[in-house]
Amino acid sequence: MADAQSILLTSVANDVLILTVTIPTIDADHAIDLKVQFARALESAPANVRAVRLEVSEVLAMSSRGFETLLHLHTSCRDRGIPLTLSKLTPIFHKLLERMGFLRLFTVDA
């Protein structure tokens, strides 16, 4: 794995940790980077954070490792009692998540 470039931008609004994915394709290497960067963002989040919003407006495709990572992100938040919402889905990515059965796991913002 190459040096992990930032593929996840982090910000906080009120009590929501906003994580924005910055790449269109999450391949196996990017999935690993995403998992690491997500964990770091959760660990360094302010104590008042009560929810996580994962903005995926750039994402068009995802490898099987990417889907595995998405499940891990869901589990990490669930285990901490923090709701995880997917936001700004492209129609293509929304359809992909629907076909894979992932929409049952996540709250999706319009």
N, C-alpha and C. Protein backbone atom coordinates (compact mmCIF):
# COMPACT_ATOMS: atom_id res chain seq x y z
N MET A 1 0.85 -1.17 0.00
CA MET A 1 0.00 0.00 0.00
C MET A 1 0.89 1.23 0.00
N ALA A 2 0.60 2.13 -0.89
CA ALA A 2 1.37 3.36 -0.99
C ALA A 2 1.01 4.27 0.17
N ASP A 3 1.80 5.34 0.31
CA ASP A 3 1.52 6.33 1.34
C ASP A 3 0.07 6.81 1.18
N ALA A 4 -0.68 6.72 2.25
CA ALA A 4 -2.10 7.00 2.20
C ALA A 4 -2.36 8.49 2.01
N GLN A 5 -2.85 8.84 0.82
CA GLN A 5 -3.27 10.21 0.60
C GLN A 5 -4.62 10.38 1.30
N SER A 6 -4.97 11.59 1.59
CA SER A 6 -6.22 11.82 2.28
C SER A 6 -7.37 11.63 1.30
N ILE A 7 -8.12 10.57 1.50
CA ILE A 7 -9.30 10.33 0.67
C ILE A 7 -10.57 10.61 1.46
N LEU A 8 -10.40 11.11 2.67
CA LEU A 8 -11.52 11.39 3.55
C LEU A 8 -11.30 12.74 4.22
N LEU A 9 -12.12 13.72 3.84
CA LEU A 9 -12.05 15.03 4.46
C LEU A 9 -12.95 15.03 5.69
N THR A 10 -12.51 15.67 6.75
CA THR A 10 -13.22 15.64 8.02
C THR A 10 -13.61 17.05 8.45
N SER A 11 -14.84 17.18 8.90
CA SER A 11 -15.31 18.42 9.51
C SER A 11 -16.38 18.08 10.55
N VAL A 12 -16.71 19.06 11.36
CA VAL A 12 -17.74 18.87 12.38
C VAL A 12 -18.71 20.04 12.29
N ALA A 13 -20.00 19.71 12.28
CA ALA A 13 -21.05 20.74 12.32
C ALA A 13 -21.99 20.37 13.46
N ASN A 14 -22.04 21.25 14.46
CA ASN A 14 -22.82 20.98 15.67
C ASN A 14 -22.32 19.69 16.30
N ASP A 15 -23.14 18.67 16.36
CA ASP A 15 -22.72 17.41 16.97
C ASP A 15 -22.58 16.29 15.93
N VAL A 16 -22.38 16.66 14.65
CA VAL A 16 -22.26 15.69 13.56
C VAL A 16 -20.85 15.72 12.98
N LEU A 17 -20.21 14.56 12.96
CA LEU A 17 -18.92 14.39 12.30
C LEU A 17 -19.20 14.14 10.83
N ILE A 18 -18.72 15.03 9.97
CA ILE A 18 -18.96 14.92 8.54
C ILE A 18 -17.69 14.44 7.87
N LEU A 19 -17.79 13.29 7.21
CA LEU A 19 -16.65 12.68 6.52
C LEU A 19 -16.98 12.63 5.04
N THR A 20 -16.15 13.26 4.23
CA THR A 20 -16.41 13.35 2.80
C THR A 20 -15.39 12.54 2.03
N VAL A 21 -15.85 11.55 1.28
CA VAL A 21 -14.98 10.74 0.43
C VAL A 21 -14.66 11.55 -0.82
N THR A 22 -13.38 11.63 -1.17
CA THR A 22 -12.93 12.53 -2.23
C THR A 22 -12.57 11.85 -3.55
N ILE A 23 -12.79 10.54 -3.65
CA ILE A 23 -12.39 9.83 -4.86
C ILE A 23 -13.59 9.12 -5.49
N PRO A 24 -13.58 8.93 -6.81
CA PRO A 24 -14.73 8.30 -7.47
C PRO A 24 -14.76 6.77 -7.41
N THR A 25 -13.61 6.15 -7.27
CA THR A 25 -13.55 4.69 -7.25
C THR A 25 -12.81 4.23 -6.00
N ILE A 26 -13.48 3.39 -5.21
CA ILE A 26 -12.84 2.84 -4.02
C ILE A 26 -12.39 1.43 -4.34
N ASP A 27 -11.11 1.31 -4.71
CA ASP A 27 -10.55 -0.01 -5.01
C ASP A 27 -10.02 -0.61 -3.69
N ALA A 28 -9.34 -1.74 -3.78
CA ALA A 28 -8.88 -2.44 -2.57
C ALA A 28 -7.94 -1.58 -1.72
N ASP A 29 -6.98 -0.93 -2.36
CA ASP A 29 -6.03 -0.08 -1.61
C ASP A 29 -6.74 1.11 -0.97
N HIS A 30 -7.62 1.75 -1.73
CA HIS A 30 -8.36 2.88 -1.18
C HIS A 30 -9.28 2.45 -0.04
N ALA A 31 -9.82 1.25 -0.12
CA ALA A 31 -10.69 0.74 0.94
C ALA A 31 -9.92 0.62 2.25
N ILE A 32 -8.69 0.16 2.17
CA ILE A 32 -7.86 0.05 3.37
C ILE A 32 -7.56 1.44 3.93
N ASP A 33 -7.22 2.37 3.04
CA ASP A 33 -6.97 3.75 3.47
C ASP A 33 -8.21 4.36 4.11
N LEU A 34 -9.36 4.11 3.50
CA LEU A 34 -10.62 4.64 4.02
C LEU A 34 -10.90 4.12 5.43
N LYS A 35 -10.66 2.84 5.62
CA LYS A 35 -10.88 2.23 6.94
C LYS A 35 -9.98 2.87 8.00
N VAL A 36 -8.73 3.08 7.68
CA VAL A 36 -7.77 3.69 8.60
C VAL A 36 -8.14 5.14 8.88
N GLN A 37 -8.43 5.89 7.83
CA GLN A 37 -8.76 7.30 8.01
C GLN A 37 -10.09 7.49 8.76
N PHE A 38 -11.04 6.60 8.54
CA PHE A 38 -12.30 6.65 9.26
C PHE A 38 -12.07 6.41 10.75
N ALA A 39 -11.26 5.40 11.06
CA ALA A 39 -10.97 5.10 12.47
C ALA A 39 -10.28 6.29 13.15
N ARG A 40 -9.33 6.91 12.47
CA ARG A 40 -8.65 8.08 13.02
C ARG A 40 -9.63 9.22 13.26
N ALA A 41 -10.54 9.43 12.31
CA ALA A 41 -11.53 10.51 12.45
C ALA A 41 -12.43 10.27 13.64
N LEU A 42 -12.86 9.03 13.84
CA LEU A 42 -13.71 8.71 15.00
C LEU A 42 -12.95 8.91 16.31
N GLU A 43 -11.71 8.48 16.34
CA GLU A 43 -10.92 8.59 17.57
C GLU A 43 -10.62 10.03 17.94
N SER A 44 -10.44 10.88 16.94
CA SER A 44 -10.08 12.27 17.21
C SER A 44 -11.28 13.22 17.20
N ALA A 45 -12.48 12.67 17.05
CA ALA A 45 -13.69 13.50 17.02
C ALA A 45 -13.93 14.14 18.38
N PRO A 46 -14.49 15.34 18.38
CA PRO A 46 -14.84 15.97 19.66
C PRO A 46 -15.82 15.11 20.46
N ALA A 47 -15.78 15.25 21.75
CA ALA A 47 -16.62 14.43 22.63
C ALA A 47 -18.11 14.65 22.41
N ASN A 48 -18.50 15.80 21.87
CA ASN A 48 -19.92 16.08 21.69
C ASN A 48 -20.52 15.47 20.43
N VAL A 49 -19.72 14.76 19.62
CA VAL A 49 -20.23 14.16 18.38
C VAL A 49 -21.23 13.06 18.71
N ARG A 50 -22.42 13.19 18.12
CA ARG A 50 -23.50 12.23 18.37
C ARG A 50 -23.94 11.48 17.12
N ALA A 51 -23.36 11.85 15.95
CA ALA A 51 -23.72 11.20 14.69
C ALA A 51 -22.58 11.37 13.70
N VAL A 52 -22.55 10.47 12.72
CA VAL A 52 -21.56 10.55 11.64
C VAL A 52 -22.31 10.57 10.31
N ARG A 53 -21.91 11.51 9.46
CA ARG A 53 -22.48 11.57 8.10
C ARG A 53 -21.33 11.34 7.12
N LEU A 54 -21.47 10.30 6.32
CA LEU A 54 -20.48 9.96 5.30
C LEU A 54 -21.00 10.45 3.95
N GLU A 55 -20.36 11.50 3.44
CA GLU A 55 -20.76 12.09 2.17
C GLU A 55 -20.00 11.39 1.04
N VAL A 56 -20.76 10.86 0.10
CA VAL A 56 -20.17 10.04 -0.96
C VAL A 56 -20.53 10.58 -2.35
N SER A 57 -20.63 11.88 -2.49
CA SER A 57 -21.05 12.48 -3.76
C SER A 57 -20.08 12.21 -4.90
N GLU A 58 -18.84 11.89 -4.58
CA GLU A 58 -17.83 11.61 -5.61
C GLU A 58 -17.79 10.13 -6.02
N VAL A 59 -18.37 9.26 -5.21
CA VAL A 59 -18.21 7.82 -5.41
C VAL A 59 -19.13 7.31 -6.51
N LEU A 60 -18.53 6.62 -7.48
CA LEU A 60 -19.26 6.01 -8.58
C LEU A 60 -19.12 4.49 -8.60
N ALA A 61 -18.02 3.99 -8.04
CA ALA A 61 -17.76 2.55 -8.07
C ALA A 61 -17.02 2.13 -6.81
N MET A 62 -17.21 0.84 -6.46
CA MET A 62 -16.58 0.32 -5.25
C MET A 62 -16.25 -1.15 -5.44
N SER A 63 -15.06 -1.54 -5.04
CA SER A 63 -14.65 -2.94 -5.10
C SER A 63 -15.28 -3.72 -3.96
N SER A 64 -15.12 -5.03 -4.00
CA SER A 64 -15.65 -5.86 -2.92
C SER A 64 -14.98 -5.50 -1.60
N ARG A 65 -13.71 -5.14 -1.62
CA ARG A 65 -13.03 -4.69 -0.41
C ARG A 65 -13.64 -3.39 0.08
N GLY A 66 -14.07 -2.55 -0.84
CA GLY A 66 -14.76 -1.32 -0.46
C GLY A 66 -16.06 -1.60 0.26
N PHE A 67 -16.82 -2.58 -0.23
CA PHE A 67 -18.07 -2.94 0.44
C PHE A 67 -17.78 -3.54 1.81
N GLU A 68 -16.74 -4.32 1.90
CA GLU A 68 -16.33 -4.87 3.20
C GLU A 68 -15.99 -3.74 4.17
N THR A 69 -15.30 -2.73 3.68
CA THR A 69 -14.96 -1.57 4.50
C THR A 69 -16.21 -0.81 4.91
N LEU A 70 -17.15 -0.66 4.00
CA LEU A 70 -18.40 0.02 4.33
C LEU A 70 -19.13 -0.70 5.46
N LEU A 71 -19.11 -2.03 5.42
CA LEU A 71 -19.69 -2.80 6.53
C LEU A 71 -18.93 -2.55 7.83
N HIS A 72 -17.63 -2.48 7.74
CA HIS A 72 -16.81 -2.20 8.92
C HIS A 72 -17.14 -0.82 9.51
N LEU A 73 -17.31 0.18 8.65
CA LEU A 73 -17.65 1.52 9.12
C LEU A 73 -18.99 1.51 9.84
N HIS A 74 -19.93 0.80 9.26
CA HIS A 74 -21.26 0.66 9.88
C HIS A 74 -21.14 0.03 11.26
N THR A 75 -20.39 -1.06 11.36
CA THR A 75 -20.22 -1.77 12.62
C THR A 75 -19.49 -0.91 13.65
N SER A 76 -18.46 -0.20 13.23
CA SER A 76 -17.71 0.67 14.14
C SER A 76 -18.63 1.72 14.77
N CYS A 77 -19.46 2.33 13.97
CA CYS A 77 -20.38 3.34 14.50
C CYS A 77 -21.45 2.69 15.38
N ARG A 78 -22.00 1.59 14.93
CA ARG A 78 -23.04 0.91 15.71
C ARG A 78 -22.50 0.50 17.07
N ASP A 79 -21.29 -0.03 17.12
CA ASP A 79 -20.69 -0.46 18.38
C ASP A 79 -20.46 0.71 19.35
N ARG A 80 -20.30 1.90 18.80
CA ARG A 80 -20.10 3.09 19.63
C ARG A 80 -21.43 3.79 19.94
N GLY A 81 -22.52 3.26 19.38
CA GLY A 81 -23.82 3.87 19.60
C GLY A 81 -24.01 5.18 18.85
N ILE A 82 -23.30 5.32 17.74
CA ILE A 82 -23.35 6.54 16.92
C ILE A 82 -24.01 6.20 15.58
N PRO A 83 -25.10 6.86 15.23
CA PRO A 83 -25.71 6.58 13.93
C PRO A 83 -24.82 7.04 12.78
N LEU A 84 -24.77 6.23 11.73
CA LEU A 84 -24.01 6.54 10.52
C LEU A 84 -25.00 6.74 9.39
N THR A 85 -24.94 7.89 8.75
CA THR A 85 -25.82 8.21 7.64
C THR A 85 -24.99 8.39 6.38
N LEU A 86 -25.46 7.82 5.28
CA LEU A 86 -24.83 8.07 3.98
C LEU A 86 -25.53 9.27 3.37
N SER A 87 -24.75 10.14 2.76
CA SER A 87 -25.29 11.39 2.25
C SER A 87 -24.74 11.68 0.86
N LYS A 88 -25.55 12.37 0.08
CA LYS A 88 -25.14 12.85 -1.25
C LYS A 88 -24.75 11.72 -2.19
N LEU A 89 -25.55 10.67 -2.23
CA LEU A 89 -25.27 9.55 -3.12
C LEU A 89 -25.56 9.93 -4.57
N THR A 90 -24.66 9.55 -5.47
CA THR A 90 -24.95 9.68 -6.89
C THR A 90 -25.98 8.62 -7.25
N PRO A 91 -26.76 8.83 -8.30
CA PRO A 91 -27.72 7.80 -8.71
C PRO A 91 -27.06 6.46 -8.99
N ILE A 92 -25.88 6.48 -9.57
CA ILE A 92 -25.16 5.24 -9.88
C ILE A 92 -24.78 4.50 -8.60
N PHE A 93 -24.24 5.22 -7.64
CA PHE A 93 -23.81 4.58 -6.39
C PHE A 93 -25.02 4.13 -5.58
N HIS A 94 -26.08 4.91 -5.61
CA HIS A 94 -27.32 4.52 -4.91
C HIS A 94 -27.83 3.19 -5.46
N LYS A 95 -27.85 3.07 -6.77
CA LYS A 95 -28.33 1.83 -7.41
C LYS A 95 -27.42 0.66 -7.04
N LEU A 96 -26.13 0.89 -7.01
CA LEU A 96 -25.18 -0.15 -6.65
C LEU A 96 -25.41 -0.62 -5.20
N LEU A 97 -25.58 0.33 -4.29
CA LEU A 97 -25.85 -0.02 -2.89
C LEU A 97 -27.18 -0.78 -2.76
N GLU A 98 -28.15 -0.36 -3.54
CA GLU A 98 -29.46 -1.03 -3.51
C GLU A 98 -29.34 -2.48 -3.99
N ARG A 99 -28.64 -2.68 -5.08
CA ARG A 99 -28.47 -4.04 -5.62
C ARG A 99 -27.70 -4.95 -4.69
N MET A 100 -26.77 -4.37 -3.93
CA MET A 100 -25.95 -5.16 -3.00
C MET A 100 -26.65 -5.37 -1.66
N GLY A 101 -27.80 -4.74 -1.45
CA GLY A 101 -28.55 -4.88 -0.21
C GLY A 101 -28.06 -4.00 0.92
N PHE A 102 -27.22 -3.03 0.62
CA PHE A 102 -26.63 -2.18 1.66
C PHE A 102 -27.57 -1.10 2.15
N LEU A 103 -28.59 -0.77 1.40
CA LEU A 103 -29.49 0.29 1.83
C LEU A 103 -30.30 -0.11 3.05
N ARG A 104 -30.38 -1.41 3.32
CA ARG A 104 -31.07 -1.87 4.53
C ARG A 104 -30.29 -1.53 5.79
N LEU A 105 -28.99 -1.36 5.67
CA LEU A 105 -28.14 -1.10 6.83
C LEU A 105 -28.02 0.38 7.18
N PHE A 106 -28.16 1.23 6.20
CA PHE A 106 -27.84 2.64 6.38
C PHE A 106 -29.06 3.53 6.27
N THR A 107 -29.01 4.61 7.02
CA THR A 107 -29.92 5.71 6.78
C THR A 107 -29.31 6.52 5.64
N VAL A 108 -30.12 6.91 4.67
CA VAL A 108 -29.63 7.65 3.52
C VAL A 108 -30.31 8.99 3.48
N ASP A 109 -29.52 10.07 3.49
CA ASP A 109 -30.05 11.42 3.31
C ASP A 109 -30.38 11.64 1.84
N ALA A 110 -31.43 12.38 1.63
CA ALA A 110 -31.83 12.68 0.25
C ALA A 110 -30.84 13.63 -0.38
